[in-house]
Amino acid sequence: MMRQKLKQGILLALNAADDLPMPESALLSAAVRWCKPAEPTNADAKEALLDVERYGFVQGASAPLEETTWTLTTSGIHKARHLR
């Protein structure tokens, strides 16, 4: 149940970013906050992020010496809008 809530938090946070890439640290933090009062770890949130990436809902981009940033894919936008 918590993993599902983390996935929802990831999709909703990226949807709220209005197509702007979100740094991974901010995204994981938003997902963890979405699960309150439960207390998932950043590692739990990272696993959920990798799940939604495998589903094709998000994509990450990184450059040397920079944090990975994440955005929704077209199917991720559709899924996130359905969660509202």
C-alpha atoms as a PDB file:
ATOM      1  CA  MET A   1       0.000   0.000   0.000  1.00  0.00           C
ATOM      2  CA  MET A   2       2.797   2.428   0.880  1.00  0.00           C
ATOM      3  CA  ARG A   3       4.607   1.705  -2.408  1.00  0.00           C
ATOM      4  CA  GLN A   4       1.405   2.521  -4.301  1.00  0.00           C
ATOM      5  CA  LYS A   5       1.041   5.783  -2.365  1.00  0.00           C
ATOM      6  CA  LEU A   6       4.658   6.678  -3.193  1.00  0.00           C
ATOM      7  CA  LYS A   7       4.006   6.071  -6.890  1.00  0.00           C
ATOM      8  CA  GLN A   8       0.959   8.327  -6.753  1.00  0.00           C
ATOM      9  CA  GLY A   9       2.992  11.009  -4.992  1.00  0.00           C
ATOM     10  CA  ILE A  10       5.656  10.849  -7.696  1.00  0.00           C
ATOM     11  CA  LEU A  11       3.136  11.194 -10.513  1.00  0.00           C
ATOM     12  CA  LEU A  12       1.213  13.994  -8.816  1.00  0.00           C
ATOM     13  CA  ALA A  13       4.384  15.939  -7.940  1.00  0.00           C
ATOM     14  CA  LEU A  14       5.613  15.777 -11.524  1.00  0.00           C
ATOM     15  CA  ASN A  15       2.184  16.753 -12.818  1.00  0.00           C
ATOM     16  CA  ALA A  16       2.193  19.788 -10.513  1.00  0.00           C
ATOM     17  CA  ALA A  17       5.580  20.805 -11.956  1.00  0.00           C
ATOM     18  CA  ASP A  18       3.819  21.752 -15.229  1.00  0.00           C
ATOM     19  CA  ASP A  19       6.232  20.018 -17.612  1.00  0.00           C
ATOM     20  CA  LEU A  20       9.339  21.378 -15.870  1.00  0.00           C
ATOM     21  CA  PRO A  21      11.984  18.792 -15.001  1.00  0.00           C
ATOM     22  CA  MET A  22      12.120  18.049 -11.275  1.00  0.00           C
ATOM     23  CA  PRO A  23      15.397  17.184  -9.534  1.00  0.00           C
ATOM     24  CA  GLU A  24      15.360  13.675  -8.112  1.00  0.00           C
ATOM     25  CA  SER A  25      15.976  14.801  -4.529  1.00  0.00           C
ATOM     26  CA  ALA A  26      12.947  17.129  -4.619  1.00  0.00           C
ATOM     27  CA  LEU A  27      10.807  14.457  -6.266  1.00  0.00           C
ATOM     28  CA  LEU A  28      11.679  11.813  -3.676  1.00  0.00           C
ATOM     29  CA  SER A  29      11.043  14.281  -0.864  1.00  0.00           C
ATOM     30  CA  ALA A  30       7.620  15.147  -2.289  1.00  0.00           C
ATOM     31  CA  ALA A  31       6.712  11.465  -2.593  1.00  0.00           C
ATOM     32  CA  VAL A  32       7.722  10.770   1.014  1.00  0.00           C
ATOM     33  CA  ARG A  33       5.661  13.759   2.243  1.00  0.00           C
ATOM     34  CA  TRP A  34       2.653  12.487   0.257  1.00  0.00           C
ATOM     35  CA  CYS A  35       2.682   9.338   2.419  1.00  0.00           C
ATOM     36  CA  LYS A  36       2.372  11.061   5.803  1.00  0.00           C
ATOM     37  CA  PRO A  37       1.710   9.915   8.494  1.00  0.00           C
ATOM     38  CA  ALA A  38       3.550   6.797   7.280  1.00  0.00           C
ATOM     39  CA  GLU A  39       7.311   7.202   7.266  1.00  0.00           C
ATOM     40  CA  PRO A  40       8.800   5.725   4.096  1.00  0.00           C
ATOM     41  CA  THR A  41      12.481   6.280   3.453  1.00  0.00           C
ATOM     42  CA  ASN A  42      14.070   7.923   0.436  1.00  0.00           C
ATOM     43  CA  ALA A  43      15.168   4.410  -0.557  1.00  0.00           C
ATOM     44  CA  ASP A  44      11.496   3.333  -0.578  1.00  0.00           C
ATOM     45  CA  ALA A  45      10.667   6.350  -2.739  1.00  0.00           C
ATOM     46  CA  LYS A  46      13.564   5.581  -5.092  1.00  0.00           C
ATOM     47  CA  GLU A  47      12.244   2.028  -5.593  1.00  0.00           C
ATOM     48  CA  ALA A  48       8.794   3.442  -6.389  1.00  0.00           C
ATOM     49  CA  LEU A  49      10.380   5.898  -8.840  1.00  0.00           C
ATOM     50  CA  LEU A  50      12.137   3.054 -10.627  1.00  0.00           C
ATOM     51  CA  ASP A  51       8.807   1.199 -10.790  1.00  0.00           C
ATOM     52  CA  VAL A  52       7.019   4.086 -12.481  1.00  0.00           C
ATOM     53  CA  GLU A  53       9.982   4.456 -14.821  1.00  0.00           C
ATOM     54  CA  ARG A  54       9.625   0.782 -15.782  1.00  0.00           C
ATOM     55  CA  TYR A  55       5.913   1.376 -16.426  1.00  0.00           C
ATOM     56  CA  GLY A  56       6.902   4.133 -18.860  1.00  0.00           C
ATOM     57  CA  PHE A  57       5.226   6.931 -16.860  1.00  0.00           C
ATOM     58  CA  VAL A  58       8.395   8.963 -16.185  1.00  0.00           C
ATOM     59  CA  GLN A  59      11.745   9.568 -17.799  1.00  0.00           C
ATOM     60  CA  GLY A  60      14.954  10.798 -16.288  1.00  0.00           C
ATOM     61  CA  ALA A  61      17.791  12.809 -17.772  1.00  0.00           C
ATOM     62  CA  SER A  62      21.201  13.349 -16.303  1.00  0.00           C
ATOM     63  CA  ALA A  63      24.475  15.011 -17.162  1.00  0.00           C
ATOM     64  CA  PRO A  64      27.909  14.610 -15.625  1.00  0.00           C
ATOM     65  CA  LEU A  65      28.126  16.214 -12.173  1.00  0.00           C
ATOM     66  CA  GLU A  66      24.401  17.022 -12.163  1.00  0.00           C
ATOM     67  CA  GLU A  67      21.468  15.448 -10.387  1.00  0.00           C
ATOM     68  CA  THR A  68      19.034  13.420 -12.482  1.00  0.00           C
ATOM     69  CA  THR A  69      15.879  15.346 -13.338  1.00  0.00           C
ATOM     70  CA  TRP A  70      12.537  13.695 -14.038  1.00  0.00           C
ATOM     71  CA  THR A  71       9.503  14.479 -16.170  1.00  0.00           C
ATOM     72  CA  LEU A  72       6.274  12.712 -17.026  1.00  0.00           C
ATOM     73  CA  THR A  73       5.921  10.886 -20.321  1.00  0.00           C
ATOM     74  CA  THR A  74       2.722  11.209 -22.336  1.00  0.00           C
ATOM     75  CA  SER A  75       1.293   8.107 -20.651  1.00  0.00           C
ATOM     76  CA  GLY A  76       2.454   9.458 -17.281  1.00  0.00           C
ATOM     77  CA  ILE A  77       0.552  12.696 -17.867  1.00  0.00           C
ATOM     78  CA  HIS A  78      -2.576  10.685 -18.615  1.00  0.00           C
ATOM     79  CA  LYS A  79      -2.104   8.547 -15.501  1.00  0.00           C
ATOM     80  CA  ALA A  80      -1.395  11.545 -13.240  1.00  0.00           C
ATOM     81  CA  ARG A  81      -4.468  13.411 -14.446  1.00  0.00           C
ATOM     82  CA  HIS A  82      -6.551  10.331 -13.685  1.00  0.00           C
ATOM     83  CA  LEU A  83      -5.290  10.385 -10.069  1.00  0.00           C
ATOM     84  CA  ARG A  84      -6.541  13.886  -9.268  1.00  0.00           C
END
